[in-house]
Amino acid sequence: MAETLISPGVLARENDLSFTQPAPIEAGAAFIGPTVKGPVQIPTVVTSYSDYLNKFGSTFESGSTKQEFLTSLAVRSYFQQGGQTALITRVVSGSFTAATATHISASDKNSTQPFVIETIGKGAIYNNNSGSLYNASGNEELSGGYIKSGSADNLRWEVSNVSNSKGTFTLTVRRGDDSNDNKIILETWTNLSLDPNSENFISKVIGDQSYTLTSSGDETYLTYTGTYPNRSRYVRVSSVNLPTVNYLANDGTTVNADAASVSFSGSLPITGSGSFYNATGDIVQTGANNYFSASAATKTQGLEAGNYTDVINLLANQDEYLFNVIAAPGLNYSVSAHQTEIDRLISTVEVRGDAIVVVDAASYGSTVATAAASVSSINTSYGATYWPWLQVQTATGRNEFVPASVVIPGVYAATDRSSAPWFAPAGLTRGGIVGVIQAERKLTKGQRDDLYDANVNPIATFPGAGIAVFGQKTLQKKASALDRVNVRRLLIELKKFFSDQARNLVFEQNTITTRNRFLSIVTPYMENVVQRQGLFAFRIVMDDSNNTNDVIDRNQLVGQIFIQPAKTAEYIILDFTVEPTGATFVA
């Protein structure tokens, strides 16, 4: 139909304003700390606690005692309270390497392995074959298909369904403590090929990249080797030693041969299963290893504070790593050796502007005065601290005291799920903490006052009501709207949404059409925030008043967002007046 009227008539046009704008990409919590296994210094997303257990593990043996890292407890609490995604960055001390598969054999290539795979996770815990744990027949598997030193924390491989006519096979990744009669399968990759020209080439399907954290001057970043991104969550292909180039001829026959005039079918792996070995790196370090209530020491959970430096610097990459709250359980500001890294973490989120740090204020067993004074030197609206320590049941079966940073990200997640980020993560409605047995101290009203006056959010115990966060101050000293956690998290949410939308305007024409397109997206969103009690009012200015000819000539597009954040009722005042008998009450 014509879009203009030349001769008299009626033109009916449509304006579709019903497009649903996407919500901000959800950013969850980030946790930094030691784990039992998993990628080292590589931020990794997990989508559930079971996903975390598969990738990073839970308990381990230290001496004769079963232990658990605070990272594991924090992730469990986070998902228990409604968290959706978590970014885990494993910190270690010393050198850690991957475990390599042993005894993957080709049918007629003597000792040459057709391909080599290795674990994505690093550390000696991935080893389930010492090189000497064979049975009487010289096989690494014992009767029933068990591996003598296999465990739930390492892996094993299996090759099956080898097809000489197609040049394909199946590779299965199994848990190290299973058996041939009771397989615990983690991943299965079917129709794999050693032909680099095939779409099913093993490196292309599974992935062959290896990442290394690199620090150069002021830069910290990941470098990688390999061509194909890793699709497996557990293993990568480190080499293909017997490639079967163009395994099938044009007519589908297997007439091609290698330089030794041997059929390529001889390069295929034989059916069987086996283990991994040669990884290095022990999570149980020599010297003092302080766990749970003893973790707030110079050496915490086997780590020095300096072990956190590189990963904190890496997480400064705002475009690559998304999170809205971050914690490093085990680092404690009352320990002088930890202060530099906590300050570095605060500085990182201040530069990013899209997250808040949960800072632990004092060690287990501290006094109220110590907790109140410990963070007096910090001045930021991008951090918040909570006290006292809390007792939870760990995966070891014991009840242990843990710092507040283990559970507070979960309280934030519960608030997001039940209400919105701009609601206070505190009080009996939203401040209750799942899984807490008792608090280290049952605070009096006066003690809560002393803590809150020092910007330390108290965790209170109320008879019949349980344990709840009863404060929501940030660590900002100056009184303003941003000295409250709900307002800081409101700003984080708004800035993220506006930045995500504004990114689509970069390199667009600086015209009224572009501006109106942006306003048509962000204005309904802000109106929704008002309706959901996040704002009292707002105003967005992006017009000729702040986009003058001079601004446009500098290739700039300027927008101004004015907001009135909704405030929380933290101080409830109830006046009771006793009237004499016979007094008249006016409605």
Protein backbone atom coordinates (compact mmCIF):
# COMPACT_ATOMS: atom_id res chain seq x y z
CA MET A 1 0.00 0.00 0.00
CA ALA A 2 1.19 3.53 -0.77
CA GLU A 3 2.75 5.39 2.17
CA THR A 4 1.76 8.89 0.94
CA LEU A 5 -1.45 10.47 -0.31
CA ILE A 6 -1.18 12.09 -3.74
CA SER A 7 -4.85 12.13 -4.70
CA PRO A 8 -7.61 12.51 -2.11
CA GLY A 9 -8.22 9.40 -0.09
CA VAL A 10 -7.64 7.68 3.26
CA LEU A 11 -4.34 6.25 4.40
CA ALA A 12 -4.51 3.77 7.29
CA ARG A 13 -1.16 3.20 8.96
CA GLU A 14 0.05 1.08 11.85
CA ASN A 15 2.32 2.08 14.72
CA ASP A 16 3.29 -0.98 16.74
CA LEU A 17 4.33 0.15 20.22
CA SER A 18 3.85 -3.25 21.80
CA PHE A 19 7.44 -4.49 21.53
CA THR A 20 8.59 -6.01 24.81
CA GLN A 21 12.01 -4.69 25.75
CA PRO A 22 14.42 -7.26 27.17
CA ALA A 23 15.13 -7.12 30.87
CA PRO A 24 18.71 -6.58 32.01
CA ILE A 25 20.92 -9.63 31.69
CA GLU A 26 20.86 -11.24 35.11
CA ALA A 27 24.09 -10.89 37.02
CA GLY A 28 24.48 -13.05 40.08
CA ALA A 29 27.03 -13.31 42.86
CA ALA A 30 30.78 -13.80 42.49
CA PHE A 31 32.81 -15.82 44.98
CA ILE A 32 36.61 -15.82 45.24
CA GLY A 33 38.42 -18.46 47.25
CA PRO A 34 39.88 -21.96 47.45
CA THR A 35 37.94 -24.98 46.19
CA VAL A 36 38.62 -28.71 46.21
CA LYS A 37 39.01 -28.95 42.43
CA GLY A 38 38.13 -27.12 39.21
CA PRO A 39 39.76 -24.61 36.86
CA VAL A 40 42.45 -22.51 38.54
CA GLN A 41 42.12 -18.71 38.38
CA ILE A 42 39.55 -19.00 35.58
CA PRO A 43 36.18 -17.38 36.44
CA THR A 44 33.59 -20.09 35.83
CA VAL A 45 29.80 -19.79 35.90
CA VAL A 46 27.73 -22.37 37.78
CA THR A 47 23.95 -22.49 37.61
CA SER A 48 23.16 -24.64 40.65
CA TYR A 49 24.81 -26.06 43.73
CA SER A 50 24.98 -29.50 42.11
CA ASP A 51 26.72 -27.89 39.14
CA TYR A 52 29.18 -26.35 41.59
CA LEU A 53 29.82 -29.72 43.26
CA ASN A 54 30.53 -31.39 39.91
CA LYS A 55 33.00 -28.69 38.88
CA PHE A 56 34.54 -27.59 42.18
CA GLY A 57 33.82 -30.28 44.79
CA SER A 58 32.94 -29.99 48.48
CA THR A 59 34.91 -31.80 51.18
CA PHE A 60 38.49 -33.05 51.41
CA GLU A 61 40.84 -34.68 53.88
CA SER A 62 43.35 -32.58 55.80
CA GLY A 63 45.36 -34.83 58.06
CA SER A 64 42.77 -37.15 59.55
CA THR A 65 39.97 -34.58 59.49
CA LYS A 66 37.38 -33.94 56.82
CA GLN A 67 37.29 -30.24 55.91
CA GLU A 68 35.29 -27.92 53.67
CA PHE A 69 36.26 -24.55 52.23
CA LEU A 70 34.14 -21.48 53.02
CA THR A 71 33.63 -20.99 49.27
CA SER A 72 31.56 -24.17 49.11
CA LEU A 73 29.39 -23.10 52.05
CA ALA A 74 28.85 -19.65 50.52
CA VAL A 75 27.75 -21.08 47.18
CA ARG A 76 25.40 -23.54 48.89
CA SER A 77 23.80 -20.75 50.96
CA TYR A 78 23.47 -18.56 47.87
CA PHE A 79 21.57 -21.16 45.86
CA GLN A 80 19.48 -22.25 48.86
CA GLN A 81 18.19 -18.70 49.14
CA GLY A 82 17.21 -18.34 45.50
CA GLY A 83 20.39 -17.44 43.64
CA GLN A 84 20.31 -18.21 39.92
CA THR A 85 23.93 -18.01 38.74
CA ALA A 86 27.27 -17.71 40.51
CA LEU A 87 30.71 -16.84 39.18
CA ILE A 88 33.39 -18.93 40.89
CA THR A 89 37.09 -18.04 40.74
CA ARG A 90 39.32 -20.64 42.34
CA VAL A 91 42.37 -19.43 44.25
CA VAL A 92 45.31 -21.74 44.93
CA SER A 93 48.78 -21.60 46.42
CA GLY A 94 51.61 -23.12 44.42
CA SER A 95 51.75 -24.70 40.98
CA PHE A 96 48.74 -26.64 39.69
CA THR A 97 48.60 -28.62 36.44
CA ALA A 98 46.01 -30.75 34.65
CA ALA A 99 45.78 -34.55 34.68
CA THR A 100 46.29 -36.41 31.40
CA ALA A 101 44.52 -39.56 30.19
CA THR A 102 46.73 -42.65 30.03
CA HIS A 103 46.56 -45.78 27.88
CA ILE A 104 44.22 -44.58 25.11
CA SER A 105 45.53 -46.98 22.47
CA ALA A 106 45.15 -47.27 18.71
CA SER A 107 44.42 -50.67 17.20
CA ASP A 108 47.73 -51.08 15.33
CA LYS A 109 49.98 -48.10 16.08
CA ASN A 110 51.96 -49.71 18.88
CA SER A 111 52.42 -47.25 21.78
CA THR A 112 51.24 -44.12 19.99
CA GLN A 113 48.09 -42.66 21.44
CA PRO A 114 45.59 -41.62 18.74
CA PHE A 115 44.66 -38.58 20.82
CA VAL A 116 45.35 -37.19 24.27
CA ILE A 117 42.81 -35.59 26.57
CA GLU A 118 43.40 -33.78 29.84
CA THR A 119 41.24 -32.41 32.62
CA ILE A 120 40.13 -28.78 32.53
CA GLY A 121 40.39 -28.71 36.31
CA LYS A 122 43.84 -28.76 37.86
CA GLY A 123 45.41 -30.35 40.89
CA ALA A 124 46.63 -33.72 42.13
CA ILE A 125 43.09 -34.57 43.19
CA TYR A 126 42.38 -35.39 39.51
CA ASN A 127 44.90 -38.25 39.58
CA ASN A 128 43.27 -41.67 39.88
CA ASN A 129 46.27 -43.71 38.71
CA SER A 130 49.66 -43.52 40.36
CA GLY A 131 51.34 -45.39 37.55
CA SER A 132 51.78 -48.52 39.69
CA LEU A 133 48.26 -49.35 40.84
CA TYR A 134 47.67 -52.17 38.36
CA ASN A 135 46.20 -55.60 38.91
CA ALA A 136 48.08 -58.86 38.37
CA SER A 137 47.39 -58.76 34.62
CA GLY A 138 48.97 -55.35 34.26
CA ASN A 139 45.67 -53.54 33.75
CA GLU A 140 44.96 -50.27 35.55
CA GLU A 141 41.36 -51.31 36.19
CA LEU A 142 40.66 -53.78 38.98
CA SER A 143 38.00 -56.49 39.00
CA GLY A 144 34.60 -55.07 38.15
CA GLY A 145 36.08 -52.09 36.36
CA TYR A 146 37.01 -50.14 39.48
CA ILE A 147 40.03 -47.89 39.64
CA LYS A 148 41.82 -48.46 42.93
CA SER A 149 42.42 -44.77 43.70
CA GLY A 150 39.39 -43.41 41.85
CA SER A 151 37.26 -40.87 43.74
CA ALA A 152 34.20 -38.68 43.28
CA ASP A 153 36.53 -35.74 42.69
CA ASN A 154 38.44 -37.14 39.72
CA LEU A 155 37.51 -38.47 36.29
CA ARG A 156 37.91 -41.48 34.04
CA TRP A 157 37.38 -41.97 30.31
CA GLU A 158 35.75 -44.63 28.17
CA VAL A 159 35.91 -45.29 24.42
CA SER A 160 33.07 -47.27 22.83
CA ASN A 161 31.08 -47.73 19.60
CA VAL A 162 34.20 -47.72 17.40
CA SER A 163 33.16 -47.89 13.73
CA ASN A 164 35.85 -48.80 11.22
CA SER A 165 33.45 -48.20 8.33
CA LYS A 166 32.73 -44.61 9.37
CA GLY A 167 35.89 -43.74 11.25
CA THR A 168 33.95 -42.70 14.35
CA PHE A 169 33.77 -43.56 18.03
CA THR A 170 32.13 -42.45 21.30
CA LEU A 171 34.02 -40.88 24.21
CA THR A 172 32.41 -40.87 27.64
CA VAL A 173 33.60 -38.94 30.68
CA ARG A 174 32.84 -40.85 33.88
CA ARG A 175 33.30 -40.16 37.57
CA GLY A 176 36.43 -41.68 39.03
CA ASP A 177 34.71 -43.76 41.72
CA ASP A 178 32.29 -45.68 39.48
CA SER A 179 32.57 -49.20 38.03
CA ASN A 180 31.73 -50.84 34.72
CA ASP A 181 28.54 -52.25 36.22
CA ASN A 182 27.53 -48.98 37.88
CA LYS A 183 28.71 -46.18 35.60
CA ILE A 184 28.35 -42.57 36.72
CA ILE A 185 28.38 -40.75 33.39
CA LEU A 186 29.15 -37.03 33.37
CA GLU A 187 29.31 -36.44 29.60
CA THR A 188 28.99 -38.47 26.42
CA TRP A 189 30.33 -37.40 23.01
CA THR A 190 29.13 -39.53 20.08
CA ASN A 191 30.30 -39.96 16.47
CA LEU A 192 33.70 -38.41 17.11
CA SER A 193 36.28 -38.48 14.36
CA LEU A 194 40.04 -38.02 14.09
CA ASP A 195 39.60 -36.48 10.65
CA PRO A 196 40.43 -32.73 10.85
CA ASN A 197 38.19 -32.14 7.83
CA SER A 198 35.16 -33.67 9.52
CA GLU A 199 32.51 -31.67 11.35
CA ASN A 200 32.82 -34.31 14.08
CA PHE A 201 36.57 -33.82 14.51
CA ILE A 202 37.23 -34.54 18.18
CA SER A 203 39.00 -31.24 18.87
CA LYS A 204 36.19 -29.27 17.26
CA VAL A 205 33.44 -31.09 19.15
CA ILE A 206 35.00 -31.30 22.61
CA GLY A 207 37.34 -28.31 22.45
CA ASP A 208 41.08 -27.95 22.79
CA GLN A 209 41.72 -24.60 24.43
CA SER A 210 43.80 -24.11 27.57
CA TYR A 211 43.67 -20.85 29.52
CA THR A 212 46.41 -19.20 31.56
CA LEU A 213 46.10 -16.11 33.73
CA THR A 214 48.75 -13.59 32.69
CA SER A 215 49.91 -10.47 34.52
CA SER A 216 51.89 -7.85 32.60
CA GLY A 217 52.45 -4.48 34.20
CA ASP A 218 49.05 -3.12 35.19
CA GLU A 219 47.21 -5.65 33.04
CA THR A 220 45.81 -9.00 34.14
CA TYR A 221 44.13 -11.11 31.48
CA LEU A 222 43.64 -14.64 30.17
CA THR A 223 45.73 -16.02 27.33
CA TYR A 224 44.83 -19.27 25.61
CA THR A 225 46.26 -21.90 23.35
CA GLY A 226 44.24 -24.10 21.03
CA THR A 227 41.81 -23.48 18.20
CA TYR A 228 38.40 -24.68 19.33
CA PRO A 229 36.45 -23.39 22.38
CA ASN A 230 35.84 -25.97 25.07
CA ARG A 231 32.37 -27.46 24.95
CA SER A 232 33.11 -30.10 27.53
CA ARG A 233 32.85 -29.03 31.15
CA TYR A 234 35.48 -31.52 32.27
CA VAL A 235 38.09 -32.34 29.62
CA ARG A 236 39.82 -30.87 26.59
CA VAL A 237 41.76 -32.42 23.71
CA SER A 238 45.41 -31.57 24.17
CA SER A 239 46.63 -33.28 20.96
CA VAL A 240 45.57 -35.51 18.06
CA ASN A 241 48.56 -37.69 17.23
CA LEU A 242 47.03 -39.93 14.54
CA PRO A 243 44.81 -37.71 12.38
CA THR A 244 42.80 -39.57 9.75
CA VAL A 245 42.66 -36.91 7.04
CA ASN A 246 39.75 -37.56 4.65
CA TYR A 247 39.01 -40.92 6.24
CA LEU A 248 36.25 -41.67 3.73
CA ALA A 249 36.72 -41.45 -0.01
CA ASN A 250 34.20 -39.68 -2.20
CA ASP A 251 32.27 -42.88 -2.70
CA GLY A 252 32.14 -43.51 1.04
CA THR A 253 34.72 -46.30 1.09
CA THR A 254 37.64 -46.41 3.51
CA VAL A 255 40.45 -46.75 1.01
CA ASN A 256 42.62 -43.91 2.34
CA ALA A 257 45.79 -44.79 4.18
CA ASP A 258 48.54 -42.99 6.02
CA ALA A 259 52.17 -42.67 5.03
CA ALA A 260 52.92 -46.18 6.27
CA SER A 261 50.28 -47.58 3.91
CA VAL A 262 48.22 -48.76 6.84
CA SER A 263 44.47 -48.31 6.84
CA PHE A 264 43.32 -45.28 8.80
CA SER A 265 41.07 -47.61 10.77
CA GLY A 266 44.21 -48.67 12.58
CA SER A 267 44.49 -45.14 13.98
CA LEU A 268 41.12 -45.31 15.72
CA PRO A 269 41.12 -45.88 19.48
CA ILE A 270 40.26 -49.33 20.75
CA THR A 271 37.29 -49.95 23.00
CA GLY A 272 38.15 -49.57 26.68
CA SER A 273 38.29 -47.26 29.65
CA GLY A 274 41.00 -45.75 31.79
CA SER A 275 42.21 -43.06 34.14
CA PHE A 276 44.03 -39.74 34.41
CA TYR A 277 47.43 -39.01 35.90
CA ASN A 278 50.40 -36.59 36.15
CA ALA A 279 48.51 -33.62 37.64
CA THR A 280 50.33 -31.57 40.28
CA GLY A 281 49.10 -29.24 43.01
CA ASP A 282 47.88 -30.04 46.51
CA ILE A 283 45.06 -28.12 48.19
CA VAL A 284 46.41 -29.12 51.61
CA GLN A 285 49.40 -26.85 52.01
CA THR A 286 52.25 -27.33 54.44
CA GLY A 287 52.18 -25.25 57.59
CA ALA A 288 49.14 -23.78 59.31
CA ASN A 289 45.83 -24.44 57.57
CA ASN A 290 43.08 -22.53 59.31
CA TYR A 291 39.48 -23.44 58.57
CA PHE A 292 36.08 -22.20 59.75
CA SER A 293 36.34 -20.15 62.96
CA ALA A 294 40.15 -20.19 62.67
CA SER A 295 40.11 -19.00 59.04
CA ALA A 296 40.61 -15.32 59.88
CA ALA A 297 44.35 -15.71 60.32
CA THR A 298 47.33 -14.52 58.32
CA LYS A 299 47.24 -17.82 56.45
CA THR A 300 43.62 -18.63 55.78
CA GLN A 301 42.45 -22.00 54.48
CA GLY A 302 45.97 -22.73 53.31
CA LEU A 303 46.29 -19.45 51.38
CA GLU A 304 48.14 -16.20 51.80
CA ALA A 305 46.20 -13.02 51.05
CA GLY A 306 48.53 -12.35 48.14
CA ASN A 307 47.20 -15.45 46.37
CA TYR A 308 44.03 -13.44 45.67
CA THR A 309 45.74 -10.54 43.89
CA ASP A 310 45.67 -11.73 40.28
CA VAL A 311 42.09 -13.00 40.29
CA ILE A 312 40.81 -9.76 41.83
CA ASN A 313 42.59 -7.82 39.10
CA LEU A 314 41.17 -10.16 36.45
CA LEU A 315 37.60 -9.56 37.63
CA ALA A 316 38.00 -5.87 36.86
CA ASN A 317 36.97 -6.76 33.28
CA GLN A 318 33.37 -5.56 33.45
CA ASP A 319 32.50 -6.61 29.91
CA GLU A 320 33.61 -10.20 30.42
CA TYR A 321 32.48 -10.99 33.97
CA LEU A 322 29.00 -10.12 35.23
CA PHE A 323 28.05 -10.03 38.90
CA ASN A 324 26.22 -7.66 41.25
CA VAL A 325 27.66 -8.79 44.59
CA ILE A 326 31.05 -10.28 45.36
CA ALA A 327 32.57 -11.94 48.42
CA ALA A 328 35.86 -13.55 49.37
CA PRO A 329 35.04 -15.59 52.50
CA GLY A 330 38.22 -16.10 54.50
CA LEU A 331 39.62 -12.60 54.00
CA ASN A 332 38.96 -10.47 57.06
CA TYR A 333 39.61 -6.76 57.50
CA SER A 334 40.67 -7.12 61.13
CA VAL A 335 43.70 -9.09 59.90
CA SER A 336 46.25 -6.56 58.69
CA ALA A 337 47.67 -9.00 56.14
CA HIS A 338 44.25 -9.18 54.45
CA GLN A 339 43.51 -5.47 54.22
CA THR A 340 45.44 -4.79 51.02
CA GLU A 341 43.47 -7.42 49.07
CA ILE A 342 40.11 -6.32 50.48
CA ASP A 343 40.95 -2.72 49.56
CA ARG A 344 41.89 -3.97 46.09
CA LEU A 345 38.53 -5.75 45.82
CA ILE A 346 36.66 -2.60 46.88
CA SER A 347 38.62 -0.53 44.38
CA THR A 348 37.77 -3.04 41.64
CA VAL A 349 34.02 -2.75 42.16
CA GLU A 350 34.21 1.04 42.52
CA VAL A 351 35.81 1.23 39.09
CA ARG A 352 33.29 -1.23 37.67
CA GLY A 353 30.38 0.55 39.37
CA ASP A 354 28.09 -2.45 39.05
CA ALA A 355 28.57 -4.52 42.22
CA ILE A 356 28.83 -4.35 45.99
CA VAL A 357 31.44 -6.12 48.15
CA VAL A 358 30.47 -7.99 51.29
CA VAL A 359 33.36 -7.34 53.67
CA ASP A 360 33.98 -9.37 56.81
CA ALA A 361 34.75 -7.00 59.66
CA ALA A 362 36.23 -9.03 62.48
CA SER A 363 37.57 -12.44 63.41
CA TYR A 364 35.62 -15.06 65.30
CA GLY A 365 35.61 -14.32 69.03
CA SER A 366 35.98 -10.56 68.61
CA THR A 367 34.21 -8.06 70.85
CA VAL A 368 31.54 -5.63 69.71
CA ALA A 369 34.02 -2.79 70.08
CA THR A 370 36.56 -4.58 67.87
CA ALA A 371 33.95 -5.29 65.20
CA ALA A 372 32.80 -1.66 65.25
CA ALA A 373 36.34 -0.30 64.98
CA SER A 374 37.75 -2.77 62.46
CA VAL A 375 36.34 -1.13 59.33
CA SER A 376 36.63 2.49 60.47
CA SER A 377 39.18 3.24 57.75
CA ILE A 378 36.92 2.12 54.89
CA ASN A 379 34.80 4.76 53.17
CA THR A 380 32.78 3.45 50.22
CA SER A 381 29.17 2.97 49.20
CA TYR A 382 30.23 -0.10 47.22
CA GLY A 383 30.86 -2.18 50.32
CA ALA A 384 28.89 -3.41 53.32
CA THR A 385 29.86 -5.42 56.38
CA TYR A 386 27.91 -7.66 58.75
CA TRP A 387 28.60 -9.18 62.17
CA PRO A 388 28.69 -11.51 64.16
CA TRP A 389 29.76 -14.91 62.83
CA LEU A 390 27.08 -17.56 62.32
CA GLN A 391 26.94 -21.29 62.95
CA VAL A 392 25.88 -23.57 60.09
CA GLN A 393 26.01 -27.28 59.41
CA THR A 394 28.72 -28.08 56.92
CA ALA A 395 29.07 -30.96 54.47
CA THR A 396 31.50 -32.50 56.95
CA GLY A 397 28.53 -33.16 59.26
CA ARG A 398 29.84 -30.76 61.89
CA ASN A 399 28.35 -27.48 63.05
CA GLU A 400 30.89 -24.72 62.40
CA PHE A 401 31.01 -20.94 62.76
CA VAL A 402 31.49 -19.01 59.51
CA PRO A 403 31.85 -15.30 58.69
CA ALA A 404 28.79 -13.38 57.53
CA SER A 405 30.07 -13.14 53.94
CA VAL A 406 29.20 -16.83 53.57
CA VAL A 407 25.45 -16.15 53.87
CA ILE A 408 24.85 -12.47 52.99
CA PRO A 409 25.00 -12.89 49.17
CA GLY A 410 22.19 -15.42 49.63
CA VAL A 411 20.15 -12.82 51.54
CA TYR A 412 20.61 -10.45 48.60
CA ALA A 413 19.50 -13.21 46.22
CA ALA A 414 16.40 -13.92 48.32
CA THR A 415 15.52 -10.21 48.27
CA ASP A 416 15.90 -10.08 44.49
CA ARG A 417 13.71 -13.14 44.08
CA SER A 418 10.93 -12.07 46.45
CA SER A 419 10.94 -8.33 45.81
CA ALA A 420 13.62 -6.42 43.87
CA PRO A 421 17.23 -5.25 44.39
CA TRP A 422 16.01 -1.86 45.64
CA PHE A 423 14.29 -3.41 48.66
CA ALA A 424 16.33 -3.57 51.85
CA PRO A 425 17.94 -7.02 52.35
CA ALA A 426 17.22 -6.76 56.05
CA GLY A 427 14.48 -7.15 58.65
CA LEU A 428 12.21 -10.02 59.56
CA THR A 429 10.54 -10.01 56.12
CA ARG A 430 13.62 -10.22 53.88
CA GLY A 431 16.56 -10.46 56.27
CA GLY A 432 16.03 -14.00 57.54
CA ILE A 433 18.90 -16.35 56.82
CA VAL A 434 18.29 -19.92 55.68
CA GLY A 435 20.32 -22.68 57.32
CA VAL A 436 21.74 -20.73 60.26
CA ILE A 437 21.70 -22.57 63.59
CA GLN A 438 22.77 -19.75 65.89
CA ALA A 439 24.74 -16.53 65.96
CA GLU A 440 28.08 -16.24 67.71
CA ARG A 441 26.64 -13.42 69.83
CA LYS A 442 23.05 -12.57 70.72
CA LEU A 443 23.25 -8.83 70.46
CA THR A 444 21.44 -6.43 72.76
CA LYS A 445 19.72 -3.31 71.49
CA GLY A 446 22.62 -1.21 72.74
CA GLN A 447 25.18 -3.39 70.99
CA ARG A 448 23.22 -3.18 67.74
CA ASP A 449 23.22 0.60 68.14
CA ASP A 450 27.00 0.69 68.59
CA LEU A 451 27.55 -1.48 65.53
CA TYR A 452 25.11 0.42 63.31
CA ASP A 453 26.62 3.74 64.34
CA ALA A 454 29.94 2.35 63.05
CA ASN A 455 28.34 1.21 59.75
CA VAL A 456 28.49 -2.45 60.75
CA ASN A 457 25.18 -4.17 60.04
CA PRO A 458 24.16 -6.28 63.03
CA ILE A 459 22.76 -9.78 62.67
CA ALA A 460 20.16 -10.03 65.42
CA THR A 461 18.55 -12.94 67.23
CA PHE A 462 14.89 -12.53 68.20
CA PRO A 463 13.07 -15.13 70.32
CA GLY A 464 10.36 -16.75 68.23
CA ALA A 465 11.43 -14.89 65.09
CA GLY A 466 14.87 -16.36 64.50
CA ILE A 467 18.09 -14.83 63.19
CA ALA A 468 17.88 -11.91 60.78
CA VAL A 469 20.02 -9.18 59.26
CA PHE A 470 19.00 -6.01 61.09
CA GLY A 471 20.87 -3.29 59.26
CA GLN A 472 21.54 -2.15 55.72
CA LYS A 473 24.20 0.53 55.81
CA THR A 474 27.02 0.71 53.31
CA LEU A 475 30.52 1.64 54.43
CA GLN A 476 30.11 5.22 53.21
CA LYS A 477 30.83 7.67 56.02
CA LYS A 478 29.00 10.68 54.59
CA ALA A 479 25.25 10.71 55.20
CA SER A 480 23.44 10.46 51.88
CA ALA A 481 21.00 8.18 50.10
CA LEU A 482 23.95 6.00 49.07
CA ASP A 483 24.81 5.10 52.66
CA ARG A 484 22.08 2.45 52.39
CA VAL A 485 22.49 -0.91 50.67
CA ASN A 486 19.08 -0.81 48.95
CA VAL A 487 19.85 2.54 47.28
CA ARG A 488 23.32 1.42 46.17
CA ARG A 489 21.83 -1.74 44.69
CA LEU A 490 19.09 0.34 43.05
CA LEU A 491 21.76 2.46 41.36
CA ILE A 492 23.65 -0.66 40.29
CA GLU A 493 20.49 -2.05 38.69
CA LEU A 494 19.57 1.20 36.93
CA LYS A 495 23.09 1.90 35.68
CA LYS A 496 23.37 -1.59 34.28
CA PHE A 497 20.07 -1.36 32.42
CA PHE A 498 20.81 2.10 31.00
CA SER A 499 24.35 1.07 30.02
CA ASP A 500 23.12 -2.08 28.27
CA GLN A 501 20.59 -0.06 26.28
CA ALA A 502 22.97 2.81 25.54
CA ARG A 503 25.55 0.39 24.17
CA ASN A 504 23.21 -0.18 21.24
CA LEU A 505 23.43 3.52 20.38
CA VAL A 506 27.18 3.60 19.93
CA PHE A 507 27.98 4.52 16.30
CA GLU A 508 24.34 5.32 15.55
CA GLN A 509 23.38 8.66 14.05
CA ASN A 510 23.21 11.41 16.69
CA THR A 511 19.69 12.50 15.76
CA ILE A 512 16.34 13.03 17.47
CA THR A 513 15.24 9.66 16.10
CA THR A 514 18.05 7.86 17.90
CA ARG A 515 17.35 9.72 21.13
CA ASN A 516 13.63 9.01 20.99
CA ARG A 517 14.32 5.35 20.36
CA PHE A 518 16.39 5.23 23.51
CA LEU A 519 13.78 7.13 25.54
CA SER A 520 11.02 4.83 24.34
CA ILE A 521 12.92 1.92 25.87
CA VAL A 522 14.14 3.35 29.18
CA THR A 523 11.07 5.40 30.15
CA PRO A 524 8.68 2.42 30.51
CA TYR A 525 11.35 0.61 32.50
CA MET A 526 11.70 3.52 34.93
CA GLU A 527 7.92 3.79 35.25
CA ASN A 528 7.90 0.12 36.19
CA VAL A 529 10.54 0.76 38.87
CA VAL A 530 8.31 3.50 40.31
CA GLN A 531 5.35 1.14 40.36
CA ARG A 532 7.50 -1.48 42.11
CA GLN A 533 8.45 1.00 44.85
CA GLY A 534 12.03 1.59 43.80
CA LEU A 535 11.64 5.30 43.04
CA PHE A 536 9.43 8.15 44.14
CA ALA A 537 9.96 9.96 40.82
CA PHE A 538 12.39 10.30 37.92
CA ARG A 539 13.18 12.50 34.94
CA ILE A 540 15.23 11.69 31.84
CA VAL A 541 16.69 14.47 29.72
CA MET A 542 18.11 13.64 26.30
CA ASP A 543 17.22 16.44 23.91
CA ASP A 544 18.59 19.61 22.35
CA SER A 545 19.15 21.16 25.79
CA ASN A 546 22.04 18.82 26.61
CA ASN A 547 22.90 17.76 23.05
CA THR A 548 23.89 21.08 21.58
CA ASN A 549 25.63 21.47 18.23
CA ASP A 550 28.96 21.64 20.03
CA VAL A 551 28.26 18.34 21.87
CA ILE A 552 27.19 16.65 18.64
CA ASP A 553 30.31 17.90 16.86
CA ARG A 554 32.39 16.16 19.53
CA ASN A 555 30.60 12.89 18.63
CA GLN A 556 28.89 12.75 22.01
CA LEU A 557 25.34 11.83 22.97
CA VAL A 558 24.41 13.05 26.45
CA GLY A 559 21.64 11.81 28.66
CA GLN A 560 20.80 12.91 32.20
CA ILE A 561 18.79 10.75 34.58
CA PHE A 562 17.37 12.35 37.72
CA ILE A 563 15.97 10.02 40.36
CA GLN A 564 14.38 10.18 43.79
CA PRO A 565 15.11 6.81 45.42
CA ALA A 566 12.48 5.38 47.70
CA LYS A 567 13.67 5.30 51.30
CA THR A 568 13.18 2.51 53.80
CA ALA A 569 11.50 2.88 57.19
CA GLU A 570 14.32 1.88 59.54
CA TYR A 571 13.18 3.79 62.59
CA ILE A 572 9.59 3.17 63.62
CA ILE A 573 8.29 5.66 66.21
CA LEU A 574 5.07 4.78 68.01
CA ASP A 575 3.63 7.34 70.46
CA PHE A 576 1.28 6.00 73.10
CA THR A 577 -0.84 8.60 74.90
CA VAL A 578 -2.84 7.69 77.98
CA GLU A 579 -6.12 9.61 78.14
CA PRO A 580 -8.28 10.08 81.27
CA THR A 581 -11.55 8.25 81.65
CA GLY A 582 -14.29 9.89 79.67
CA ALA A 583 -12.01 11.51 77.13
CA THR A 584 -13.48 11.81 73.66
CA PHE A 585 -11.52 10.29 70.75
CA VAL A 586 -11.84 12.19 67.50
CA ALA A 587 -11.80 9.99 64.43
